[in-house]
Amino acid sequence: MVDVSGLKGEFTFLPQERVLFGQGALGRLASEVDRVGGRRAFVITGTTIATKTALLDQVQQILGQNLVGTFYPIPQHVPRGDVLSAALRAREANADVLISLGGVCIFRHDWTNGGKT
C-alpha cells in the first residue's frame, strides 16, 4: 500500500459551462457555439470517432466555415505531449471555442499555461 499522507496538490477546474450528450445533442451544436460567442471552432477527438464514424463529418457540415481545425488522435488517458500538440494547433488556428467529441478528457488540462497541470 502506498502512503499518501504527505500528498499535497491543487487542481483547478477550467470553466466548462455545459456538456451536450445523447440523442439530439449534435443538432444543438451550432446554437451552443453561437451562445458562447464562438466563431472559430476547433475539434479534439480520438482516432475512432475521427476515422470510423460519420460524427466528425457531421460536425464539419453543421459548423461549416466556423470549423477552423481538428486534432486527433487523442489516446486514452490523454498524454501531456498530445495536450501540448493539440493546444499548439488550436492556437495556430486562432480557435475561440474547443469542442471535444467522444470520451476525450483533454479539457482537464489548463491550456492557458501551456498544458501544464
PDB file of N, CA and C in Angstrom:
ATOM      1  N   MET A   1       0.835  -1.174   0.000  1.00  0.00           N
ATOM      2  CA  MET A   1       0.000   0.000   0.000  1.00  0.00           C
ATOM      3  C   MET A   1       0.883   1.240   0.000  1.00  0.00           C
ATOM      4  N   VAL A   2       0.485   2.253  -0.727  1.00  0.00           N
ATOM      5  CA  VAL A   2       1.245   3.488  -0.855  1.00  0.00           C
ATOM      6  C   VAL A   2       0.777   4.478   0.208  1.00  0.00           C
ATOM      7  N   ASP A   3       1.734   5.100   0.890  1.00  0.00           N
ATOM      8  CA  ASP A   3       1.410   6.116   1.887  1.00  0.00           C
ATOM      9  C   ASP A   3       1.175   7.449   1.188  1.00  0.00           C
ATOM     10  N   VAL A   4      -0.026   7.986   1.289  1.00  0.00           N
ATOM     11  CA  VAL A   4      -0.368   9.259   0.657  1.00  0.00           C
ATOM     12  C   VAL A   4      -0.611  10.354   1.689  1.00  0.00           C
ATOM     13  N   SER A   5      -0.228  10.109   2.937  1.00  0.00           N
ATOM     14  CA  SER A   5      -0.499  11.079   3.994  1.00  0.00           C
ATOM     15  C   SER A   5       0.206  12.409   3.745  1.00  0.00           C
ATOM     16  N   GLY A   6       1.329  12.399   3.060  1.00  0.00           N
ATOM     17  CA  GLY A   6       2.052  13.645   2.776  1.00  0.00           C
ATOM     18  C   GLY A   6       1.725  14.239   1.416  1.00  0.00           C
ATOM     19  N   LEU A   7       0.778  13.642   0.716  1.00  0.00           N
ATOM     20  CA  LEU A   7       0.417  14.094  -0.623  1.00  0.00           C
ATOM     21  C   LEU A   7      -0.273  15.444  -0.552  1.00  0.00           C
ATOM     22  N   LYS A   8       0.217  16.376  -1.346  1.00  0.00           N
ATOM     23  CA  LYS A   8      -0.388  17.703  -1.424  1.00  0.00           C
ATOM     24  C   LYS A   8      -0.520  18.083  -2.884  1.00  0.00           C
ATOM     25  N   GLY A   9      -1.388  19.004  -3.175  1.00  0.00           N
ATOM     26  CA  GLY A   9      -1.528  19.448  -4.548  1.00  0.00           C
ATOM     27  C   GLY A   9      -2.724  20.354  -4.714  1.00  0.00           C
ATOM     28  N   GLU A  10      -2.948  20.686  -5.923  1.00  0.00           N
ATOM     29  CA  GLU A  10      -4.065  21.554  -6.255  1.00  0.00           C
ATOM     30  C   GLU A  10      -4.513  21.217  -7.654  1.00  0.00           C
ATOM     31  N   PHE A  11      -5.787  21.260  -7.864  1.00  0.00           N
ATOM     32  CA  PHE A  11      -6.335  21.017  -9.192  1.00  0.00           C
ATOM     33  C   PHE A  11      -7.330  22.121  -9.472  1.00  0.00           C
ATOM     34  N   THR A  12      -7.152  22.800 -10.575  1.00  0.00           N
ATOM     35  CA  THR A  12      -8.050  23.881 -10.950  1.00  0.00           C
ATOM     36  C   THR A  12      -8.925  23.416 -12.092  1.00  0.00           C
ATOM     37  N   PHE A  13     -10.212  23.429 -11.881  1.00  0.00           N
ATOM     38  CA  PHE A  13     -11.149  23.077 -12.939  1.00  0.00           C
ATOM     39  C   PHE A  13     -11.347  24.290 -13.833  1.00  0.00           C
ATOM     40  N   LEU A  14     -11.248  24.085 -15.102  1.00  0.00           N
ATOM     41  CA  LEU A  14     -11.467  25.165 -16.059  1.00  0.00           C
ATOM     42  C   LEU A  14     -12.949  25.456 -16.180  1.00  0.00           C
ATOM     43  N   PRO A  15     -13.268  26.667 -16.590  1.00  0.00           N
ATOM     44  CA  PRO A  15     -14.690  26.947 -16.794  1.00  0.00           C
ATOM     45  C   PRO A  15     -15.235  26.052 -17.906  1.00  0.00           C
ATOM     46  N   GLN A  16     -16.167  25.243 -17.546  1.00  0.00           N
ATOM     47  CA  GLN A  16     -16.833  24.362 -18.503  1.00  0.00           C
ATOM     48  C   GLN A  16     -18.307  24.472 -18.184  1.00  0.00           C
ATOM     49  N   GLU A  17     -18.982  25.268 -18.962  1.00  0.00           N
ATOM     50  CA  GLU A  17     -20.367  25.571 -18.656  1.00  0.00           C
ATOM     51  C   GLU A  17     -21.320  24.431 -18.915  1.00  0.00           C
ATOM     52  N   ARG A  18     -21.043  23.685 -19.965  1.00  0.00           N
ATOM     53  CA  ARG A  18     -22.062  22.754 -20.412  1.00  0.00           C
ATOM     54  C   ARG A  18     -21.434  21.578 -21.140  1.00  0.00           C
ATOM     55  N   VAL A  19     -22.060  20.430 -20.981  1.00  0.00           N
ATOM     56  CA  VAL A  19     -21.698  19.235 -21.743  1.00  0.00           C
ATOM     57  C   VAL A  19     -22.972  18.772 -22.443  1.00  0.00           C
ATOM     58  N   LEU A  20     -22.926  18.703 -23.766  1.00  0.00           N
ATOM     59  CA  LEU A  20     -24.062  18.207 -24.544  1.00  0.00           C
ATOM     60  C   LEU A  20     -23.816  16.737 -24.855  1.00  0.00           C
ATOM     61  N   PHE A  21     -24.812  15.905 -24.643  1.00  0.00           N
ATOM     62  CA  PHE A  21     -24.644  14.492 -24.939  1.00  0.00           C
ATOM     63  C   PHE A  21     -25.996  13.864 -25.234  1.00  0.00           C
ATOM     64  N   GLY A  22     -25.940  12.698 -25.831  1.00  0.00           N
ATOM     65  CA  GLY A  22     -27.151  11.926 -26.083  1.00  0.00           C
ATOM     66  C   GLY A  22     -27.841  12.305 -27.379  1.00  0.00           C
ATOM     67  N   GLN A  23     -28.970  11.652 -27.595  1.00  0.00           N
ATOM     68  CA  GLN A  23     -29.740  11.850 -28.815  1.00  0.00           C
ATOM     69  C   GLN A  23     -30.140  13.323 -28.944  1.00  0.00           C
ATOM     70  N   GLY A  24     -29.875  13.893 -30.111  1.00  0.00           N
ATOM     71  CA  GLY A  24     -30.224  15.290 -30.373  1.00  0.00           C
ATOM     72  C   GLY A  24     -29.144  16.296 -30.034  1.00  0.00           C
ATOM     73  N   ALA A  25     -28.086  15.861 -29.360  1.00  0.00           N
ATOM     74  CA  ALA A  25     -27.033  16.794 -28.946  1.00  0.00           C
ATOM     75  C   ALA A  25     -26.343  17.444 -30.141  1.00  0.00           C
ATOM     76  N   LEU A  26     -26.111  16.688 -31.184  1.00  0.00           N
ATOM     77  CA  LEU A  26     -25.435  17.228 -32.361  1.00  0.00           C
ATOM     78  C   LEU A  26     -26.245  18.351 -32.997  1.00  0.00           C
ATOM     79  N   GLY A  27     -27.547  18.220 -32.976  1.00  0.00           N
ATOM     80  CA  GLY A  27     -28.412  19.247 -33.524  1.00  0.00           C
ATOM     81  C   GLY A  27     -28.365  20.559 -32.747  1.00  0.00           C
ATOM     82  N   ARG A  28     -27.862  20.517 -31.527  1.00  0.00           N
ATOM     83  CA  ARG A  28     -27.742  21.722 -30.703  1.00  0.00           C
ATOM     84  C   ARG A  28     -26.356  22.359 -30.778  1.00  0.00           C
ATOM     85  N   LEU A  29     -25.441  21.732 -31.502  1.00  0.00           N
ATOM     86  CA  LEU A  29     -24.055  22.187 -31.508  1.00  0.00           C
ATOM     87  C   LEU A  29     -23.884  23.608 -32.035  1.00  0.00           C
ATOM     88  N   ALA A  30     -24.441  23.916 -33.184  1.00  0.00           N
ATOM     89  CA  ALA A  30     -24.268  25.252 -33.772  1.00  0.00           C
ATOM     90  C   ALA A  30     -24.816  26.335 -32.851  1.00  0.00           C
ATOM     91  N   SER A  31     -25.972  26.106 -32.247  1.00  0.00           N
ATOM     92  CA  SER A  31     -26.536  27.121 -31.359  1.00  0.00           C
ATOM     93  C   SER A  31     -25.709  27.269 -30.086  1.00  0.00           C
ATOM     94  N   GLU A  32     -25.094  26.179 -29.635  1.00  0.00           N
ATOM     95  CA  GLU A  32     -24.230  26.252 -28.450  1.00  0.00           C
ATOM     96  C   GLU A  32     -22.963  27.033 -28.753  1.00  0.00           C
ATOM     97  N   VAL A  33     -22.383  26.809 -29.919  1.00  0.00           N
ATOM     98  CA  VAL A  33     -21.197  27.578 -30.326  1.00  0.00           C
ATOM     99  C   VAL A  33     -21.560  29.059 -30.418  1.00  0.00           C
ATOM    100  N   ASP A  34     -22.714  29.356 -30.997  1.00  0.00           N
ATOM    101  CA  ASP A  34     -23.182  30.749 -31.063  1.00  0.00           C
ATOM    102  C   ASP A  34     -23.404  31.323 -29.675  1.00  0.00           C
ATOM    103  N   ARG A  35     -23.985  30.543 -28.783  1.00  0.00           N
ATOM    104  CA  ARG A  35     -24.298  31.005 -27.434  1.00  0.00           C
ATOM    105  C   ARG A  35     -23.059  31.480 -26.683  1.00  0.00           C
ATOM    106  N   VAL A  36     -21.935  30.782 -26.897  1.00  0.00           N
ATOM    107  CA  VAL A  36     -20.709  31.174 -26.193  1.00  0.00           C
ATOM    108  C   VAL A  36     -19.892  32.190 -26.994  1.00  0.00           C
ATOM    109  N   GLY A  37     -20.445  32.646 -28.113  1.00  0.00           N
ATOM    110  CA  GLY A  37     -19.760  33.655 -28.919  1.00  0.00           C
ATOM    111  C   GLY A  37     -18.661  33.103 -29.800  1.00  0.00           C
ATOM    112  N   GLY A  38     -18.682  31.799 -30.037  1.00  0.00           N
ATOM    113  CA  GLY A  38     -17.649  31.165 -30.851  1.00  0.00           C
ATOM    114  C   GLY A  38     -17.816  31.426 -32.331  1.00  0.00           C
ATOM    115  N   ARG A  39     -16.720  31.740 -32.981  1.00  0.00           N
ATOM    116  CA  ARG A  39     -16.709  31.932 -34.436  1.00  0.00           C
ATOM    117  C   ARG A  39     -15.626  31.074 -35.094  1.00  0.00           C
ATOM    118  N   ARG A  40     -14.734  30.513 -34.274  1.00  0.00           N
ATOM    119  CA  ARG A  40     -13.619  29.722 -34.789  1.00  0.00           C
ATOM    120  C   ARG A  40     -13.488  28.461 -33.924  1.00  0.00           C
ATOM    121  N   ALA A  41     -14.270  27.456 -34.285  1.00  0.00           N
ATOM    122  CA  ALA A  41     -14.332  26.224 -33.502  1.00  0.00           C
ATOM    123  C   ALA A  41     -13.219  25.263 -33.892  1.00  0.00           C
ATOM    124  N   PHE A  42     -12.710  24.561 -32.906  1.00  0.00           N
ATOM    125  CA  PHE A  42     -11.644  23.583 -33.095  1.00  0.00           C
ATOM    126  C   PHE A  42     -12.069  22.301 -32.391  1.00  0.00           C
ATOM    127  N   VAL A  43     -12.041  21.175 -33.111  1.00  0.00           N
ATOM    128  CA  VAL A  43     -12.490  19.890 -32.575  1.00  0.00           C
ATOM    129  C   VAL A  43     -11.296  19.042 -32.161  1.00  0.00           C
ATOM    130  N   ILE A  44     -11.426  18.413 -30.996  1.00  0.00           N
ATOM    131  CA  ILE A  44     -10.419  17.486 -30.486  1.00  0.00           C
ATOM    132  C   ILE A  44     -11.125  16.164 -30.238  1.00  0.00           C
ATOM    133  N   THR A  45     -10.551  15.087 -30.775  1.00  0.00           N
ATOM    134  CA  THR A  45     -11.209  13.787 -30.645  1.00  0.00           C
ATOM    135  C   THR A  45     -10.195  12.656 -30.763  1.00  0.00           C
ATOM    136  N   GLY A  46     -10.680  11.466 -30.615  1.00  0.00           N
ATOM    137  CA  GLY A  46      -9.844  10.283 -30.759  1.00  0.00           C
ATOM    138  C   GLY A  46      -9.917   9.719 -32.177  1.00  0.00           C
ATOM    139  N   THR A  47      -9.074   8.760 -32.447  1.00  0.00           N
ATOM    140  CA  THR A  47      -8.978   8.169 -33.776  1.00  0.00           C
ATOM    141  C   THR A  47     -10.271   7.480 -34.205  1.00  0.00           C
ATOM    142  N   THR A  48     -10.897   6.750 -33.312  1.00  0.00           N
ATOM    143  CA  THR A  48     -12.105   6.008 -33.678  1.00  0.00           C
ATOM    144  C   THR A  48     -13.197   6.952 -34.166  1.00  0.00           C
ATOM    145  N   ILE A  49     -13.463   8.008 -33.416  1.00  0.00           N
ATOM    146  CA  ILE A  49     -14.501   8.975 -33.830  1.00  0.00           C
ATOM    147  C   ILE A  49     -14.109   9.624 -35.153  1.00  0.00           C
ATOM    148  N   ALA A  50     -12.834   9.970 -35.287  1.00  0.00           N
ATOM    149  CA  ALA A  50     -12.386  10.696 -36.480  1.00  0.00           C
ATOM    150  C   ALA A  50     -12.369   9.835 -37.730  1.00  0.00           C
ATOM    151  N   THR A  51     -12.111   8.550 -37.594  1.00  0.00           N
ATOM    152  CA  THR A  51     -11.899   7.731 -38.786  1.00  0.00           C
ATOM    153  C   THR A  51     -12.919   6.605 -38.993  1.00  0.00           C
ATOM    154  N   LYS A  52     -13.676   6.262 -37.963  1.00  0.00           N
ATOM    155  CA  LYS A  52     -14.576   5.115 -38.096  1.00  0.00           C
ATOM    156  C   LYS A  52     -16.039   5.461 -37.872  1.00  0.00           C
ATOM    157  N   THR A  53     -16.337   6.739 -37.757  1.00  0.00           N
ATOM    158  CA  THR A  53     -17.729   7.168 -37.629  1.00  0.00           C
ATOM    159  C   THR A  53     -17.941   8.363 -38.553  1.00  0.00           C
ATOM    160  N   ALA A  54     -19.183   8.731 -38.713  1.00  0.00           N
ATOM    161  CA  ALA A  54     -19.520   9.907 -39.527  1.00  0.00           C
ATOM    162  C   ALA A  54     -19.636  11.170 -38.673  1.00  0.00           C
ATOM    163  N   LEU A  55     -19.360  11.060 -37.385  1.00  0.00           N
ATOM    164  CA  LEU A  55     -19.574  12.181 -36.468  1.00  0.00           C
ATOM    165  C   LEU A  55     -18.759  13.417 -36.834  1.00  0.00           C
ATOM    166  N   LEU A  56     -17.490  13.261 -37.121  1.00  0.00           N
ATOM    167  CA  LEU A  56     -16.657  14.412 -37.469  1.00  0.00           C
ATOM    168  C   LEU A  56     -17.147  15.063 -38.765  1.00  0.00           C
ATOM    169  N   ASP A  57     -17.524  14.270 -39.741  1.00  0.00           N
ATOM    170  CA  ASP A  57     -18.087  14.822 -40.984  1.00  0.00           C
ATOM    171  C   ASP A  57     -19.369  15.601 -40.706  1.00  0.00           C
ATOM    172  N   GLN A  58     -20.207  15.083 -39.813  1.00  0.00           N
ATOM    173  CA  GLN A  58     -21.444  15.780 -39.464  1.00  0.00           C
ATOM    174  C   GLN A  58     -21.152  17.114 -38.786  1.00  0.00           C
ATOM    175  N   VAL A  59     -20.170  17.130 -37.909  1.00  0.00           N
ATOM    176  CA  VAL A  59     -19.790  18.379 -37.240  1.00  0.00           C
ATOM    177  C   VAL A  59     -19.269  19.380 -38.271  1.00  0.00           C
ATOM    178  N   GLN A  60     -18.482  18.909 -39.226  1.00  0.00           N
ATOM    179  CA  GLN A  60     -17.980  19.792 -40.283  1.00  0.00           C
ATOM    180  C   GLN A  60     -19.122  20.385 -41.085  1.00  0.00           C
ATOM    181  N   GLN A  61     -20.137  19.586 -41.395  1.00  0.00           N
ATOM    182  CA  GLN A  61     -21.297  20.090 -42.133  1.00  0.00           C
ATOM    183  C   GLN A  61     -22.077  21.103 -41.301  1.00  0.00           C
ATOM    184  N   ILE A  62     -22.251  20.831 -40.037  1.00  0.00           N
ATOM    185  CA  ILE A  62     -23.015  21.716 -39.153  1.00  0.00           C
ATOM    186  C   ILE A  62     -22.313  23.053 -38.961  1.00  0.00           C
ATOM    187  N   LEU A  63     -21.016  23.027 -38.716  1.00  0.00           N
ATOM    188  CA  LEU A  63     -20.291  24.262 -38.406  1.00  0.00           C
ATOM    189  C   LEU A  63     -19.764  24.985 -39.646  1.00  0.00           C
ATOM    190  N   GLY A  64     -19.612  24.267 -40.748  1.00  0.00           N
ATOM    191  CA  GLY A  64     -19.146  24.895 -41.986  1.00  0.00           C
ATOM    192  C   GLY A  64     -17.844  25.644 -41.805  1.00  0.00           C
ATOM    193  N   GLN A  65     -17.801  26.883 -42.272  1.00  0.00           N
ATOM    194  CA  GLN A  65     -16.560  27.664 -42.226  1.00  0.00           C
ATOM    195  C   GLN A  65     -16.187  28.090 -40.803  1.00  0.00           C
ATOM    196  N   ASN A  66     -17.082  27.896 -39.842  1.00  0.00           N
ATOM    197  CA  ASN A  66     -16.744  28.196 -38.449  1.00  0.00           C
ATOM    198  C   ASN A  66     -15.858  27.128 -37.817  1.00  0.00           C
ATOM    199  N   LEU A  67     -15.689  25.995 -38.500  1.00  0.00           N
ATOM    200  CA  LEU A  67     -14.774  24.963 -38.021  1.00  0.00           C
ATOM    201  C   LEU A  67     -13.405  25.242 -38.622  1.00  0.00           C
ATOM    202  N   VAL A  68     -12.462  25.613 -37.768  1.00  0.00           N
ATOM    203  CA  VAL A  68     -11.142  26.023 -38.270  1.00  0.00           C
ATOM    204  C   VAL A  68     -10.072  24.951 -38.117  1.00  0.00           C
ATOM    205  N   GLY A  69     -10.419  23.823 -37.503  1.00  0.00           N
ATOM    206  CA  GLY A  69      -9.433  22.760 -37.395  1.00  0.00           C
ATOM    207  C   GLY A  69      -9.893  21.605 -36.540  1.00  0.00           C
ATOM    208  N   THR A  70      -9.165  20.504 -36.694  1.00  0.00           N
ATOM    209  CA  THR A  70      -9.405  19.320 -35.873  1.00  0.00           C
ATOM    210  C   THR A  70      -8.067  18.761 -35.432  1.00  0.00           C
ATOM    211  N   PHE A  71      -8.078  18.061 -34.324  1.00  0.00           N
ATOM    212  CA  PHE A  71      -6.882  17.394 -33.840  1.00  0.00           C
ATOM    213  C   PHE A  71      -7.265  15.998 -33.368  1.00  0.00           C
ATOM    214  N   TYR A  72      -6.581  15.019 -33.903  1.00  0.00           N
ATOM    215  CA  TYR A  72      -6.660  13.636 -33.447  1.00  0.00           C
ATOM    216  C   TYR A  72      -5.392  12.965 -33.911  1.00  0.00           C
ATOM    217  N   PRO A  73      -4.972  11.891 -33.351  1.00  0.00           N
ATOM    218  CA  PRO A  73      -5.644  11.113 -32.329  1.00  0.00           C
ATOM    219  C   PRO A  73      -5.282  11.579 -30.917  1.00  0.00           C
ATOM    220  N   ILE A  74      -6.239  11.508 -30.065  1.00  0.00           N
ATOM    221  CA  ILE A  74      -6.009  11.676 -28.636  1.00  0.00           C
ATOM    222  C   ILE A  74      -6.263  10.306 -28.019  1.00  0.00           C
ATOM    223  N   PRO A  75      -5.218   9.642 -27.518  1.00  0.00           N
ATOM    224  CA  PRO A  75      -5.414   8.310 -26.942  1.00  0.00           C
ATOM    225  C   PRO A  75      -5.983   8.379 -25.526  1.00  0.00           C
ATOM    226  N   GLN A  76      -6.357   7.229 -25.040  1.00  0.00           N
ATOM    227  CA  GLN A  76      -6.874   7.108 -23.686  1.00  0.00           C
ATOM    228  C   GLN A  76      -5.866   7.682 -22.692  1.00  0.00           C
ATOM    229  N   HIS A  77      -6.346   8.328 -21.679  1.00  0.00           N
ATOM    230  CA  HIS A  77      -5.570   8.939 -20.592  1.00  0.00           C
ATOM    231  C   HIS A  77      -4.825  10.201 -21.016  1.00  0.00           C
ATOM    232  N   VAL A  78      -4.971  10.642 -22.218  1.00  0.00           N
ATOM    233  CA  VAL A  78      -4.504  11.928 -22.740  1.00  0.00           C
ATOM    234  C   VAL A  78      -3.080  12.285 -22.275  1.00  0.00           C
ATOM    235  N   PRO A  79      -2.073  11.753 -22.935  1.00  0.00           N
ATOM    236  CA  PRO A  79      -0.694  12.092 -22.579  1.00  0.00           C
ATOM    237  C   PRO A  79      -0.413  13.592 -22.728  1.00  0.00           C
ATOM    238  N   ARG A  80       0.425  14.104 -21.864  1.00  0.00           N
ATOM    239  CA  ARG A  80       0.746  15.531 -21.840  1.00  0.00           C
ATOM    240  C   ARG A  80       1.225  16.034 -23.197  1.00  0.00           C
ATOM    241  N   GLY A  81       2.041  15.266 -23.888  1.00  0.00           N
ATOM    242  CA  GLY A  81       2.546  15.682 -25.198  1.00  0.00           C
ATOM    243  C   GLY A  81       1.431  15.912 -26.203  1.00  0.00           C
ATOM    244  N   ASP A  82       0.391  15.087 -26.128  1.00  0.00           N
ATOM    245  CA  ASP A  82      -0.758  15.274 -27.022  1.00  0.00           C
ATOM    246  C   ASP A  82      -1.536  16.532 -26.667  1.00  0.00           C
ATOM    247  N   VAL A  83      -1.635  16.820 -25.384  1.00  0.00           N
ATOM    248  CA  VAL A  83      -2.301  18.053 -24.949  1.00  0.00           C
ATOM    249  C   VAL A  83      -1.555  19.263 -25.504  1.00  0.00           C
ATOM    250  N   LEU A  84      -0.239  19.243 -25.378  1.00  0.00           N
ATOM    251  CA  LEU A  84       0.566  20.364 -25.880  1.00  0.00           C
ATOM    252  C   LEU A  84       0.444  20.498 -27.399  1.00  0.00           C
ATOM    253  N   SER A  85       0.439  19.379 -28.104  1.00  0.00           N
ATOM    254  CA  SER A  85       0.301  19.419 -29.564  1.00  0.00           C
ATOM    255  C   SER A  85      -1.069  19.958 -29.969  1.00  0.00           C
ATOM    256  N   ALA A  86      -2.109  19.495 -29.301  1.00  0.00           N
ATOM    257  CA  ALA A  86      -3.455  19.977 -29.605  1.00  0.00           C
ATOM    258  C   ALA A  86      -3.588  21.466 -29.290  1.00  0.00           C
ATOM    259  N   ALA A  87      -3.008  21.895 -28.169  1.00  0.00           N
ATOM    260  CA  ALA A  87      -3.055  23.315 -27.792  1.00  0.00           C
ATOM    261  C   ALA A  87      -2.353  24.171 -28.834  1.00  0.00           C
ATOM    262  N   LEU A  88      -1.217  23.711 -29.299  1.00  0.00           N
ATOM    263  CA  LEU A  88      -0.479  24.449 -30.322  1.00  0.00           C
ATOM    264  C   LEU A  88      -1.294  24.580 -31.600  1.00  0.00           C
ATOM    265  N   ARG A  89      -1.881  23.479 -32.038  1.00  0.00           N
ATOM    266  CA  ARG A  89      -2.708  23.510 -33.254  1.00  0.00           C
ATOM    267  C   ARG A  89      -3.913  24.429 -33.100  1.00  0.00           C
ATOM    268  N   ALA A  90      -4.560  24.392 -31.941  1.00  0.00           N
ATOM    269  CA  ALA A  90      -5.720  25.251 -31.696  1.00  0.00           C
ATOM    270  C   ALA A  90      -5.303  26.723 -31.686  1.00  0.00           C
ATOM    271  N   ARG A  91      -4.173  27.011 -31.087  1.00  0.00           N
ATOM    272  CA  ARG A  91      -3.668  28.398 -31.075  1.00  0.00           C
ATOM    273  C   ARG A  91      -3.300  28.864 -32.473  1.00  0.00           C
ATOM    274  N   GLU A  92      -2.652  27.990 -33.244  1.00  0.00           N
ATOM    275  CA  GLU A  92      -2.290  28.347 -34.624  1.00  0.00           C
ATOM    276  C   GLU A  92      -3.531  28.646 -35.461  1.00  0.00           C
ATOM    277  N   ALA A  93      -4.630  27.986 -35.154  1.00  0.00           N
ATOM    278  CA  ALA A  93      -5.877  28.192 -35.887  1.00  0.00           C
ATOM    279  C   ALA A  93      -6.674  29.381 -35.327  1.00  0.00           C
ATOM    280  N   ASN A  94      -6.146  30.010 -34.282  1.00  0.00           N
ATOM    281  CA  ASN A  94      -6.848  31.112 -33.602  1.00  0.00           C
ATOM    282  C   ASN A  94      -8.243  30.695 -33.151  1.00  0.00           C
ATOM    283  N   ALA A  95      -8.348  29.488 -32.636  1.00  0.00           N
ATOM    284  CA  ALA A  95      -9.638  28.973 -32.175  1.00  0.00           C
ATOM    285  C   ALA A  95     -10.139  29.774 -30.976  1.00  0.00           C
ATOM    286  N   ASP A  96     -11.442  30.001 -30.954  1.00  0.00           N
ATOM    287  CA  ASP A  96     -12.034  30.676 -29.805  1.00  0.00           C
ATOM    288  C   ASP A  96     -13.014  29.780 -29.056  1.00  0.00           C
ATOM    289  N   VAL A  97     -13.212  28.573 -29.561  1.00  0.00           N
ATOM    290  CA  VAL A  97     -14.025  27.588 -28.852  1.00  0.00           C
ATOM    291  C   VAL A  97     -13.481  26.198 -29.163  1.00  0.00           C
ATOM    292  N   LEU A  98     -13.431  25.340 -28.138  1.00  0.00           N
ATOM    293  CA  LEU A  98     -12.947  23.974 -28.285  1.00  0.00           C
ATOM    294  C   LEU A  98     -14.111  23.019 -28.125  1.00  0.00           C
ATOM    295  N   ILE A  99     -14.158  22.020 -28.999  1.00  0.00           N
ATOM    296  CA  ILE A  99     -15.212  21.015 -28.961  1.00  0.00           C
ATOM    297  C   ILE A  99     -14.555  19.650 -28.832  1.00  0.00           C
ATOM    298  N   SER A 100     -14.976  18.901 -27.854  1.00  0.00           N
ATOM    299  CA  SER A 100     -14.477  17.546 -27.663  1.00  0.00           C
ATOM    300  C   SER A 100     -15.551  16.569 -28.116  1.00  0.00           C
ATOM    301  N   LEU A 101     -15.175  15.632 -28.971  1.00  0.00           N
ATOM    302  CA  LEU A 101     -16.103  14.595 -29.426  1.00  0.00           C
ATOM    303  C   LEU A 101     -15.719  13.273 -28.789  1.00  0.00           C
ATOM    304  N   GLY A 102     -16.684  12.595 -28.219  1.00  0.00           N
ATOM    305  CA  GLY A 102     -16.418  11.303 -27.607  1.00  0.00           C
ATOM    306  C   GLY A 102     -15.977  11.459 -26.168  1.00  0.00           C
ATOM    307  N   GLY A 103     -15.220  10.501 -25.700  1.00  0.00           N
ATOM    308  CA  GLY A 103     -14.802  10.486 -24.300  1.00  0.00           C
ATOM    309  C   GLY A 103     -13.510  11.220 -24.028  1.00  0.00           C
ATOM    310  N   VAL A 104     -13.050  12.014 -24.957  1.00  0.00           N
ATOM    311  CA  VAL A 104     -11.787  12.736 -24.797  1.00  0.00           C
ATOM    312  C   VAL A 104     -11.881  13.669 -23.599  1.00  0.00           C
ATOM    313  N   CYS A 105     -10.937  13.556 -22.689  1.00  0.00           N
ATOM    314  CA  CYS A 105     -10.984  14.382 -21.478  1.00  0.00           C
ATOM    315  C   CYS A 105      -9.825  15.377 -21.459  1.00  0.00           C
ATOM    316  N   ILE A 106      -9.489  15.915 -22.601  1.00  0.00           N
ATOM    317  CA  ILE A 106      -8.370  16.842 -22.696  1.00  0.00           C
ATOM    318  C   ILE A 106      -8.632  18.139 -21.947  1.00  0.00           C
ATOM    319  N   PHE A 107      -9.882  18.464 -21.690  1.00  0.00           N
ATOM    320  CA  PHE A 107     -10.197  19.734 -21.063  1.00  0.00           C
ATOM    321  C   PHE A 107      -9.888  19.760 -19.584  1.00  0.00           C
ATOM    322  N   ARG A 108      -9.410  18.669 -19.032  1.00  0.00           N
ATOM    323  CA  ARG A 108      -8.985  18.693 -17.635  1.00  0.00           C
ATOM    324  C   ARG A 108      -7.639  19.408 -17.502  1.00  0.00           C
ATOM    325  N   HIS A 109      -6.981  19.654 -18.603  1.00  0.00           N
ATOM    326  CA  HIS A 109      -5.693  20.335 -18.584  1.00  0.00           C
ATOM    327  C   HIS A 109      -5.895  21.835 -18.706  1.00  0.00           C
ATOM    328  N   ASP A 110      -5.052  22.594 -18.058  1.00  0.00           N
ATOM    329  CA  ASP A 110      -5.135  24.050 -18.116  1.00  0.00           C
ATOM    330  C   ASP A 110      -4.353  24.538 -19.314  1.00  0.00           C
ATOM    331  N   TRP A 111      -5.057  24.800 -20.409  1.00  0.00           N
ATOM    332  CA  TRP A 111      -4.412  25.223 -21.654  1.00  0.00           C
ATOM    333  C   TRP A 111      -3.828  26.614 -21.552  1.00  0.00           C
ATOM    334  N   THR A 112      -4.303  27.401 -20.600  1.00  0.00           N
ATOM    335  CA  THR A 112      -3.830  28.771 -20.507  1.00  0.00           C
ATOM    336  C   THR A 112      -2.366  28.851 -20.074  1.00  0.00           C
ATOM    337  N   ASN A 113      -1.867  27.789 -19.483  1.00  0.00           N
ATOM    338  CA  ASN A 113      -0.455  27.814 -19.083  1.00  0.00           C
ATOM    339  C   ASN A 113       0.352  26.782 -19.866  1.00  0.00           C
ATOM    340  N   GLY A 114      -0.034  26.566 -21.103  1.00  0.00           N
ATOM    341  CA  GLY A 114       0.732  25.669 -21.974  1.00  0.00           C
ATOM    342  C   GLY A 114       0.471  24.205 -21.744  1.00  0.00           C
ATOM    343  N   GLY A 115      -0.637  23.867 -21.111  1.00  0.00           N
ATOM    344  CA  GLY A 115      -0.970  22.469 -20.902  1.00  0.00           C
ATOM    345  C   GLY A 115      -0.393  21.881 -19.629  1.00  0.00           C
ATOM    346  N   LYS A 116       0.264  22.690 -18.800  1.00  0.00           N
ATOM    347  CA  LYS A 116       0.825  22.180 -17.558  1.00  0.00           C
ATOM    348  C   LYS A 116      -0.300  21.941 -16.572  1.00  0.00           C
ATOM    349  N   THR A 117      -0.260  20.817 -15.895  1.00  0.00           N
ATOM    350  CA  THR A 117      -1.323  20.523 -14.934  1.00  0.00           C
ATOM    351  C   THR A 117      -0.796  20.598 -13.525  1.00  0.00           C
TER     352      THR A 117
END
